[in-house]
Amino acid sequence: MTSEVKTRKEPALPRFGRLLRYEDGMLLRAATEDELNASKKAAEANGGKGIIRVNGVRCYVEP
């Protein structure tokens, strides 16, 4: 009798980070390259989290 060990793969991280809603940190979806760049630019400008608006929702990208 052989025993099989099944391993669970962790989901791959999004290539450009995760798009999170600012108000509660809820994961919305994978971020696009443009969203990542815009969030970085916003963070550099004001020293904050890099808040951007996506479809009217305040968000930030967590790389």
N, C-alpha and C. Protein backbone atom coordinates (compact mmCIF):
# COMPACT_ATOMS: atom_id res chain seq x y z
N MET A 1 0.83 -1.18 0.00
CA MET A 1 0.00 0.00 0.00
C MET A 1 0.89 1.25 0.00
N THR A 2 0.66 2.10 -0.94
CA THR A 2 1.43 3.34 -1.01
C THR A 2 0.54 4.50 -0.61
N SER A 3 1.15 5.44 -0.01
CA SER A 3 0.37 6.62 0.39
C SER A 3 0.75 7.78 -0.52
N GLU A 4 -0.26 8.47 -0.95
CA GLU A 4 -0.05 9.64 -1.78
C GLU A 4 -0.21 10.88 -0.92
N VAL A 5 0.72 11.76 -1.05
CA VAL A 5 0.62 13.02 -0.35
C VAL A 5 0.22 14.07 -1.36
N LYS A 6 -0.93 14.65 -1.13
CA LYS A 6 -1.39 15.70 -2.03
C LYS A 6 -0.98 17.04 -1.46
N THR A 7 -0.35 17.81 -2.28
CA THR A 7 0.05 19.13 -1.84
C THR A 7 -0.86 20.17 -2.48
N ARG A 8 -1.13 21.17 -1.72
CA ARG A 8 -1.98 22.24 -2.21
C ARG A 8 -1.11 23.39 -2.67
N LYS A 9 -1.27 23.77 -3.91
CA LYS A 9 -0.49 24.89 -4.43
C LYS A 9 -1.12 26.20 -4.00
N GLU A 10 -0.27 27.10 -3.55
CA GLU A 10 -0.74 28.43 -3.24
C GLU A 10 -0.97 29.17 -4.55
N PRO A 11 -1.99 30.03 -4.59
CA PRO A 11 -2.22 30.78 -5.82
C PRO A 11 -1.04 31.69 -6.12
N ALA A 12 -0.73 31.83 -7.37
CA ALA A 12 0.38 32.70 -7.78
C ALA A 12 0.03 34.15 -7.48
N LEU A 13 1.03 34.89 -7.08
CA LEU A 13 0.81 36.32 -6.84
C LEU A 13 0.61 37.02 -8.18
N PRO A 14 -0.27 38.01 -8.19
CA PRO A 14 -0.46 38.76 -9.43
C PRO A 14 0.84 39.43 -9.86
N ARG A 15 1.04 39.53 -11.13
CA ARG A 15 2.29 40.06 -11.68
C ARG A 15 2.57 41.49 -11.23
N PHE A 16 1.53 42.32 -11.17
CA PHE A 16 1.72 43.73 -10.84
C PHE A 16 1.19 44.09 -9.46
N GLY A 17 0.82 43.13 -8.67
CA GLY A 17 0.33 43.38 -7.34
C GLY A 17 -1.17 43.18 -7.24
N ARG A 18 -1.69 43.54 -6.07
CA ARG A 18 -3.12 43.36 -5.81
C ARG A 18 -3.78 44.72 -5.67
N LEU A 19 -4.93 44.87 -6.28
CA LEU A 19 -5.70 46.10 -6.18
C LEU A 19 -6.63 45.97 -4.98
N LEU A 20 -6.45 46.85 -4.00
CA LEU A 20 -7.21 46.80 -2.76
C LEU A 20 -8.06 48.05 -2.60
N ARG A 21 -9.27 47.88 -2.06
CA ARG A 21 -10.13 49.03 -1.79
C ARG A 21 -9.56 49.75 -0.56
N TYR A 22 -9.43 51.07 -0.65
CA TYR A 22 -8.80 51.85 0.40
C TYR A 22 -9.59 51.79 1.71
N GLU A 23 -10.88 51.87 1.66
CA GLU A 23 -11.70 51.97 2.86
C GLU A 23 -11.54 50.77 3.80
N ASP A 24 -11.43 49.57 3.25
CA ASP A 24 -11.39 48.39 4.12
C ASP A 24 -10.30 47.37 3.75
N GLY A 25 -9.50 47.68 2.75
CA GLY A 25 -8.42 46.77 2.36
C GLY A 25 -8.88 45.53 1.64
N MET A 26 -10.15 45.51 1.21
CA MET A 26 -10.67 44.33 0.52
C MET A 26 -10.01 44.16 -0.85
N LEU A 27 -9.59 42.94 -1.11
CA LEU A 27 -9.00 42.62 -2.41
C LEU A 27 -10.08 42.70 -3.48
N LEU A 28 -9.81 43.52 -4.50
CA LEU A 28 -10.76 43.64 -5.60
C LEU A 28 -10.38 42.72 -6.75
N ARG A 29 -9.10 42.75 -7.10
CA ARG A 29 -8.61 41.92 -8.21
C ARG A 29 -7.12 42.16 -8.36
N ALA A 30 -6.52 41.49 -9.33
CA ALA A 30 -5.12 41.75 -9.65
C ALA A 30 -5.01 43.13 -10.28
N ALA A 31 -3.95 43.82 -9.94
CA ALA A 31 -3.73 45.16 -10.48
C ALA A 31 -3.08 45.08 -11.86
N THR A 32 -3.34 46.10 -12.65
CA THR A 32 -2.68 46.21 -13.95
C THR A 32 -1.36 46.95 -13.76
N GLU A 33 -0.53 46.91 -14.76
CA GLU A 33 0.75 47.64 -14.71
C GLU A 33 0.49 49.14 -14.58
N ASP A 34 -0.48 49.66 -15.31
CA ASP A 34 -0.81 51.09 -15.24
C ASP A 34 -1.27 51.48 -13.83
N GLU A 35 -2.08 50.64 -13.19
CA GLU A 35 -2.54 50.92 -11.84
C GLU A 35 -1.39 50.91 -10.84
N LEU A 36 -0.48 49.96 -11.00
CA LEU A 36 0.69 49.91 -10.12
C LEU A 36 1.52 51.18 -10.27
N ASN A 37 1.77 51.60 -11.50
CA ASN A 37 2.56 52.80 -11.73
C ASN A 37 1.86 54.04 -11.19
N ALA A 38 0.56 54.14 -11.37
CA ALA A 38 -0.20 55.29 -10.86
C ALA A 38 -0.18 55.32 -9.34
N SER A 39 -0.30 54.16 -8.70
CA SER A 39 -0.28 54.09 -7.25
C SER A 39 1.10 54.48 -6.71
N LYS A 40 2.15 54.02 -7.35
CA LYS A 40 3.51 54.40 -6.94
C LYS A 40 3.71 55.90 -7.06
N LYS A 41 3.24 56.47 -8.16
CA LYS A 41 3.37 57.91 -8.40
C LYS A 41 2.61 58.70 -7.34
N ALA A 42 1.41 58.25 -7.00
CA ALA A 42 0.61 58.92 -5.98
C ALA A 42 1.29 58.83 -4.61
N ALA A 43 1.88 57.70 -4.29
CA ALA A 43 2.57 57.53 -3.01
C ALA A 43 3.78 58.44 -2.92
N GLU A 44 4.50 58.58 -4.02
CA GLU A 44 5.67 59.46 -4.03
C GLU A 44 5.26 60.91 -3.87
N ALA A 45 4.12 61.28 -4.44
CA ALA A 45 3.66 62.66 -4.41
C ALA A 45 3.22 63.09 -3.01
N ASN A 46 2.59 62.19 -2.26
CA ASN A 46 2.06 62.60 -0.96
C ASN A 46 2.56 61.78 0.22
N GLY A 47 3.42 60.81 -0.03
CA GLY A 47 3.97 60.00 1.06
C GLY A 47 2.99 59.03 1.69
N GLY A 48 1.87 58.82 1.03
CA GLY A 48 0.85 57.93 1.59
C GLY A 48 0.87 56.56 0.94
N LYS A 49 -0.30 55.92 0.93
CA LYS A 49 -0.43 54.57 0.38
C LYS A 49 -0.47 54.55 -1.13
N GLY A 50 -0.66 55.68 -1.75
CA GLY A 50 -0.74 55.69 -3.21
C GLY A 50 -2.16 55.49 -3.68
N ILE A 51 -3.06 56.27 -3.12
CA ILE A 51 -4.48 56.12 -3.43
C ILE A 51 -4.77 56.58 -4.85
N ILE A 52 -5.46 55.73 -5.58
CA ILE A 52 -5.90 56.05 -6.95
C ILE A 52 -7.39 55.74 -7.04
N ARG A 53 -8.03 56.29 -8.04
CA ARG A 53 -9.45 55.98 -8.28
C ARG A 53 -9.55 55.03 -9.46
N VAL A 54 -10.27 53.95 -9.25
CA VAL A 54 -10.52 52.97 -10.30
C VAL A 54 -12.04 52.78 -10.36
N ASN A 55 -12.61 53.18 -11.48
CA ASN A 55 -14.07 53.11 -11.63
C ASN A 55 -14.81 53.79 -10.49
N GLY A 56 -14.27 54.93 -10.04
CA GLY A 56 -14.90 55.70 -8.99
C GLY A 56 -14.63 55.22 -7.58
N VAL A 57 -13.85 54.16 -7.40
CA VAL A 57 -13.56 53.59 -6.10
C VAL A 57 -12.12 53.94 -5.71
N ARG A 58 -11.94 54.43 -4.47
CA ARG A 58 -10.58 54.72 -4.00
C ARG A 58 -9.87 53.42 -3.69
N CYS A 59 -8.71 53.23 -4.31
CA CYS A 59 -7.96 51.98 -4.21
C CYS A 59 -6.48 52.28 -4.05
N TYR A 60 -5.73 51.24 -3.75
CA TYR A 60 -4.27 51.30 -3.80
C TYR A 60 -3.76 49.93 -4.22
N VAL A 61 -2.52 49.91 -4.68
CA VAL A 61 -1.92 48.67 -5.15
C VAL A 61 -0.88 48.22 -4.14
N GLU A 62 -0.99 46.97 -3.75
CA GLU A 62 -0.01 46.35 -2.87
C GLU A 62 0.82 45.39 -3.72
N PRO A 63 2.09 45.76 -3.96
CA PRO A 63 2.91 44.89 -4.83
C PRO A 63 3.20 43.53 -4.23
